[in-house]
């Protein structure tokens, strides 16, 4: 598999991700991605025909619970615990995280 991945492939991937890579990074990432793809091929080659499909790794442990609706915390009580709430508007004030 590693012989099929080229520096040109890494350059194309970098261009799609809008990344500028040095020659050393291109060489390093070519080796690393080739190793990842080789490992993926090894995993793909494993015969799983006798293994039943599962939707969740803990499917037999009862990880899901019944949907039991109940009353939520009243807004005024929730706002009372907020460090910078706006009770008159019924809102929580949160720090800006974008721009």
N, C-alpha and C. Protein backbone atom coordinates (compact mmCIF):
# COMPACT_ATOMS: atom_id res chain seq x y z
N UNK A 1 0.82 -1.20 0.00
CA UNK A 1 0.00 0.00 0.00
C UNK A 1 0.86 1.26 0.00
N UNK A 2 1.98 1.27 0.74
CA UNK A 2 2.77 2.48 0.86
C UNK A 2 3.32 2.94 -0.48
N UNK A 3 3.57 2.01 -1.42
CA UNK A 3 4.10 2.41 -2.71
C UNK A 3 3.05 3.12 -3.56
N UNK A 4 1.78 2.96 -3.22
CA UNK A 4 0.71 3.60 -3.99
C UNK A 4 0.46 5.04 -3.56
N UNK A 5 0.88 5.43 -2.37
CA UNK A 5 0.69 6.80 -1.91
C UNK A 5 1.94 7.61 -2.27
N UNK A 6 1.73 8.74 -2.90
CA UNK A 6 2.86 9.54 -3.36
C UNK A 6 2.85 10.91 -2.69
N UNK A 7 3.96 11.60 -2.84
CA UNK A 7 4.04 12.97 -2.34
C UNK A 7 2.99 13.83 -3.04
N UNK A 8 2.73 13.55 -4.30
CA UNK A 8 1.69 14.30 -5.04
C UNK A 8 0.32 14.11 -4.38
N UNK A 9 0.05 12.90 -3.88
CA UNK A 9 -1.21 12.65 -3.16
C UNK A 9 -1.29 13.52 -1.91
N UNK A 10 -0.20 13.59 -1.18
CA UNK A 10 -0.17 14.40 0.04
C UNK A 10 -0.31 15.88 -0.31
N UNK A 11 0.32 16.30 -1.38
CA UNK A 11 0.17 17.69 -1.81
C UNK A 11 -1.28 18.01 -2.17
N UNK A 12 -1.96 17.08 -2.81
CA UNK A 12 -3.38 17.28 -3.16
C UNK A 12 -4.23 17.36 -1.90
N UNK A 13 -3.99 16.47 -0.96
CA UNK A 13 -4.73 16.49 0.31
C UNK A 13 -4.47 17.81 1.04
N UNK A 14 -3.22 18.23 1.08
CA UNK A 14 -2.86 19.49 1.74
C UNK A 14 -3.56 20.67 1.06
N UNK A 15 -3.63 20.64 -0.27
CA UNK A 15 -4.30 21.73 -0.99
C UNK A 15 -5.78 21.76 -0.65
N UNK A 16 -6.41 20.59 -0.56
CA UNK A 16 -7.83 20.53 -0.20
C UNK A 16 -8.08 21.09 1.20
N UNK A 17 -7.10 20.88 2.09
CA UNK A 17 -7.22 21.36 3.47
C UNK A 17 -6.64 22.76 3.64
N UNK A 18 -6.19 23.37 2.54
CA UNK A 18 -5.59 24.71 2.57
C UNK A 18 -4.39 24.75 3.52
N UNK A 19 -3.54 23.72 3.43
CA UNK A 19 -2.33 23.64 4.25
C UNK A 19 -1.10 23.88 3.38
N UNK A 20 -0.16 24.59 3.91
CA UNK A 20 1.13 24.76 3.26
C UNK A 20 2.13 23.89 4.00
N UNK A 21 2.73 22.95 3.29
CA UNK A 21 3.66 22.01 3.90
C UNK A 21 5.05 22.20 3.35
N UNK A 22 6.04 22.01 4.22
CA UNK A 22 7.43 22.03 3.78
C UNK A 22 7.73 20.69 3.11
N UNK A 23 8.85 20.61 2.44
CA UNK A 23 9.26 19.35 1.80
C UNK A 23 9.42 18.24 2.85
N UNK A 24 9.97 18.60 4.01
CA UNK A 24 10.14 17.60 5.08
C UNK A 24 8.79 17.11 5.58
N UNK A 25 7.83 18.02 5.73
CA UNK A 25 6.49 17.63 6.18
C UNK A 25 5.81 16.74 5.16
N UNK A 26 5.98 17.07 3.89
CA UNK A 26 5.38 16.24 2.83
C UNK A 26 5.92 14.82 2.88
N UNK A 27 7.22 14.69 3.06
CA UNK A 27 7.84 13.36 3.14
C UNK A 27 7.35 12.61 4.38
N UNK A 28 7.31 13.32 5.51
CA UNK A 28 6.86 12.71 6.76
C UNK A 28 5.40 12.26 6.65
N UNK A 29 4.54 13.15 6.15
CA UNK A 29 3.12 12.82 6.06
C UNK A 29 2.85 11.73 5.03
N UNK A 30 3.66 11.67 3.99
CA UNK A 30 3.52 10.59 3.01
C UNK A 30 3.77 9.25 3.68
N UNK A 31 4.84 9.17 4.47
CA UNK A 31 5.13 7.92 5.21
C UNK A 31 4.03 7.61 6.22
N UNK A 32 3.62 8.61 7.00
CA UNK A 32 2.62 8.38 8.03
C UNK A 32 1.28 7.96 7.44
N UNK A 33 0.83 8.65 6.40
CA UNK A 33 -0.44 8.29 5.78
C UNK A 33 -0.37 6.91 5.13
N UNK A 34 0.76 6.59 4.53
CA UNK A 34 0.94 5.27 3.95
C UNK A 34 0.84 4.19 5.03
N UNK A 35 1.44 4.44 6.19
CA UNK A 35 1.35 3.49 7.31
C UNK A 35 -0.10 3.33 7.77
N UNK A 36 -0.82 4.43 7.85
CA UNK A 36 -2.23 4.37 8.28
C UNK A 36 -3.04 3.57 7.28
N UNK A 37 -2.84 3.82 5.99
CA UNK A 37 -3.58 3.10 4.96
C UNK A 37 -3.23 1.62 4.94
N UNK A 38 -1.95 1.30 5.18
CA UNK A 38 -1.54 -0.10 5.26
C UNK A 38 -2.24 -0.79 6.43
N UNK A 39 -2.29 -0.12 7.57
CA UNK A 39 -2.98 -0.69 8.73
C UNK A 39 -4.47 -0.86 8.44
N UNK A 40 -5.09 0.12 7.80
CA UNK A 40 -6.51 0.01 7.46
C UNK A 40 -6.76 -1.19 6.56
N UNK A 41 -5.87 -1.43 5.63
CA UNK A 41 -6.00 -2.59 4.75
C UNK A 41 -5.88 -3.90 5.54
N UNK A 42 -5.01 -3.93 6.54
CA UNK A 42 -4.87 -5.12 7.38
C UNK A 42 -6.15 -5.38 8.15
N UNK A 43 -6.74 -4.32 8.70
CA UNK A 43 -7.98 -4.45 9.45
C UNK A 43 -9.10 -4.90 8.52
N UNK A 44 -9.12 -4.34 7.33
CA UNK A 44 -10.16 -4.67 6.36
C UNK A 44 -10.07 -6.13 5.92
N UNK A 45 -8.89 -6.71 5.96
CA UNK A 45 -8.68 -8.09 5.52
C UNK A 45 -9.15 -9.12 6.56
N UNK A 46 -9.46 -8.68 7.76
CA UNK A 46 -9.89 -9.60 8.82
C UNK A 46 -11.26 -10.16 8.48
N UNK A 47 -11.40 -11.48 8.60
CA UNK A 47 -12.68 -12.13 8.31
C UNK A 47 -13.63 -11.93 9.49
N UNK A 48 -14.67 -11.15 9.27
CA UNK A 48 -15.67 -10.88 10.32
C UNK A 48 -17.02 -11.48 9.95
N UNK A 49 -17.02 -12.43 9.03
CA UNK A 49 -18.29 -12.99 8.56
C UNK A 49 -19.07 -13.68 9.68
N UNK A 50 -18.40 -14.22 10.69
CA UNK A 50 -19.10 -14.90 11.77
C UNK A 50 -19.39 -14.01 12.97
N UNK A 51 -19.08 -12.73 12.86
CA UNK A 51 -19.26 -11.80 13.97
C UNK A 51 -20.55 -11.02 13.76
N UNK A 52 -21.47 -11.11 14.72
CA UNK A 52 -22.74 -10.37 14.54
C UNK A 52 -22.52 -8.86 14.62
N UNK A 53 -23.29 -8.14 13.84
CA UNK A 53 -23.19 -6.69 13.84
C UNK A 53 -23.71 -6.13 15.16
N UNK A 54 -23.09 -5.07 15.62
CA UNK A 54 -23.56 -4.41 16.84
C UNK A 54 -23.69 -2.92 16.57
N UNK A 55 -24.66 -2.31 17.21
CA UNK A 55 -24.85 -0.87 17.07
C UNK A 55 -24.09 -0.13 18.14
N UNK A 56 -23.74 -0.82 19.21
CA UNK A 56 -23.07 -0.18 20.34
C UNK A 56 -22.21 -1.23 21.02
N UNK A 57 -21.03 -0.86 21.45
CA UNK A 57 -20.13 -1.84 22.06
C UNK A 57 -20.65 -2.38 23.38
N UNK A 58 -21.55 -1.66 24.02
CA UNK A 58 -22.11 -2.11 25.28
C UNK A 58 -23.57 -2.55 25.12
N UNK A 59 -23.91 -3.10 23.97
CA UNK A 59 -25.30 -3.44 23.65
C UNK A 59 -25.91 -4.41 24.66
N UNK A 60 -25.13 -5.31 25.20
CA UNK A 60 -25.68 -6.31 26.12
C UNK A 60 -25.74 -5.83 27.56
N UNK A 61 -25.26 -4.65 27.84
CA UNK A 61 -25.20 -4.17 29.21
C UNK A 61 -26.33 -3.23 29.58
N UNK A 62 -27.31 -3.07 28.71
CA UNK A 62 -28.43 -2.18 29.01
C UNK A 62 -28.00 -0.74 29.15
N UNK A 63 -27.19 -0.26 28.22
CA UNK A 63 -26.66 1.10 28.30
C UNK A 63 -27.75 2.15 28.08
N UNK A 64 -28.82 1.77 27.42
CA UNK A 64 -29.88 2.72 27.17
C UNK A 64 -30.92 2.66 28.29
N UNK A 65 -31.55 3.77 28.54
CA UNK A 65 -32.58 3.82 29.57
C UNK A 65 -33.90 4.19 28.92
N UNK A 66 -34.97 3.93 29.61
CA UNK A 66 -36.27 4.33 29.12
C UNK A 66 -36.38 5.84 29.12
N UNK A 67 -37.11 6.37 28.15
CA UNK A 67 -37.34 7.80 28.07
C UNK A 67 -38.45 8.12 29.07
N UNK A 68 -38.05 8.67 30.20
CA UNK A 68 -38.99 8.94 31.28
C UNK A 68 -39.10 10.46 31.46
N UNK A 69 -40.06 11.09 30.78
CA UNK A 69 -40.17 12.55 30.89
C UNK A 69 -40.49 12.98 32.33
N UNK A 70 -39.88 14.07 32.73
CA UNK A 70 -40.15 14.63 34.04
C UNK A 70 -39.95 16.15 33.98
N UNK A 71 -40.40 16.84 34.98
CA UNK A 71 -40.29 18.30 35.00
C UNK A 71 -38.82 18.71 35.08
N UNK A 72 -38.47 19.75 34.34
CA UNK A 72 -37.11 20.25 34.38
C UNK A 72 -36.98 21.33 35.45
N UNK A 73 -35.77 21.78 35.65
CA UNK A 73 -35.48 22.81 36.63
C UNK A 73 -36.18 24.11 36.20
N UNK A 74 -36.92 24.76 37.09
CA UNK A 74 -37.56 26.02 36.72
C UNK A 74 -36.52 27.06 36.30
N UNK A 75 -36.86 27.90 35.31
CA UNK A 75 -35.94 28.88 34.76
C UNK A 75 -35.38 29.80 35.83
N UNK A 76 -36.24 30.32 36.71
CA UNK A 76 -35.75 31.25 37.73
C UNK A 76 -34.74 30.59 38.66
N UNK A 77 -34.94 29.32 38.95
CA UNK A 77 -33.99 28.61 39.82
C UNK A 77 -32.67 28.36 39.10
N UNK A 78 -32.74 28.02 37.82
CA UNK A 78 -31.52 27.81 37.04
C UNK A 78 -30.74 29.12 36.92
N UNK A 79 -31.44 30.22 36.66
CA UNK A 79 -30.78 31.52 36.52
C UNK A 79 -30.19 32.00 37.84
N UNK A 80 -30.76 31.58 38.94
CA UNK A 80 -30.25 31.98 40.25
C UNK A 80 -28.82 31.44 40.45
N UNK A 81 -28.50 30.32 39.80
CA UNK A 81 -27.16 29.72 39.91
C UNK A 81 -26.20 30.22 38.85
N UNK A 82 -26.67 31.01 37.90
CA UNK A 82 -25.81 31.48 36.82
C UNK A 82 -24.93 32.62 37.32
N UNK A 83 -23.63 32.60 36.96
CA UNK A 83 -22.74 33.67 37.43
C UNK A 83 -23.08 35.03 36.81
N UNK A 84 -23.63 35.05 35.60
CA UNK A 84 -23.95 36.31 34.94
C UNK A 84 -25.26 36.13 34.16
N UNK A 85 -26.30 35.78 34.85
CA UNK A 85 -27.58 35.54 34.18
C UNK A 85 -28.32 36.83 33.89
N UNK A 86 -29.32 36.72 33.05
CA UNK A 86 -30.20 37.85 32.75
C UNK A 86 -31.62 37.41 33.09
N UNK A 87 -31.96 37.40 34.38
CA UNK A 87 -33.25 36.86 34.81
C UNK A 87 -34.44 37.55 34.16
N UNK A 88 -34.34 38.85 33.91
CA UNK A 88 -35.47 39.56 33.31
C UNK A 88 -35.77 39.05 31.90
N UNK A 89 -34.75 38.53 31.21
CA UNK A 89 -34.94 38.01 29.86
C UNK A 89 -35.06 36.49 29.86
N UNK A 90 -34.81 35.87 31.01
CA UNK A 90 -34.86 34.41 31.09
C UNK A 90 -33.70 33.75 30.35
N UNK A 91 -32.54 34.41 30.35
CA UNK A 91 -31.39 33.92 29.59
C UNK A 91 -30.15 33.78 30.45
N UNK A 92 -29.24 32.91 29.98
CA UNK A 92 -27.90 32.82 30.54
C UNK A 92 -26.99 33.64 29.66
N UNK A 93 -26.08 34.36 30.26
CA UNK A 93 -25.07 35.08 29.50
C UNK A 93 -23.83 34.21 29.47
N UNK A 94 -23.27 34.01 28.27
CA UNK A 94 -22.10 33.16 28.13
C UNK A 94 -20.98 33.95 27.45
N UNK A 95 -19.74 33.56 27.66
CA UNK A 95 -18.64 34.27 27.02
C UNK A 95 -18.67 34.06 25.50
N UNK A 96 -18.25 35.07 24.78
CA UNK A 96 -18.18 34.98 23.33
C UNK A 96 -17.09 33.96 22.95
N UNK A 97 -17.42 33.07 22.02
CA UNK A 97 -16.46 32.04 21.62
C UNK A 97 -16.08 32.13 20.15
N UNK A 98 -16.82 32.88 19.36
CA UNK A 98 -16.53 33.03 17.94
C UNK A 98 -16.35 34.50 17.63
N UNK A 99 -15.24 34.83 17.00
CA UNK A 99 -14.96 36.19 16.53
C UNK A 99 -15.05 37.18 17.57
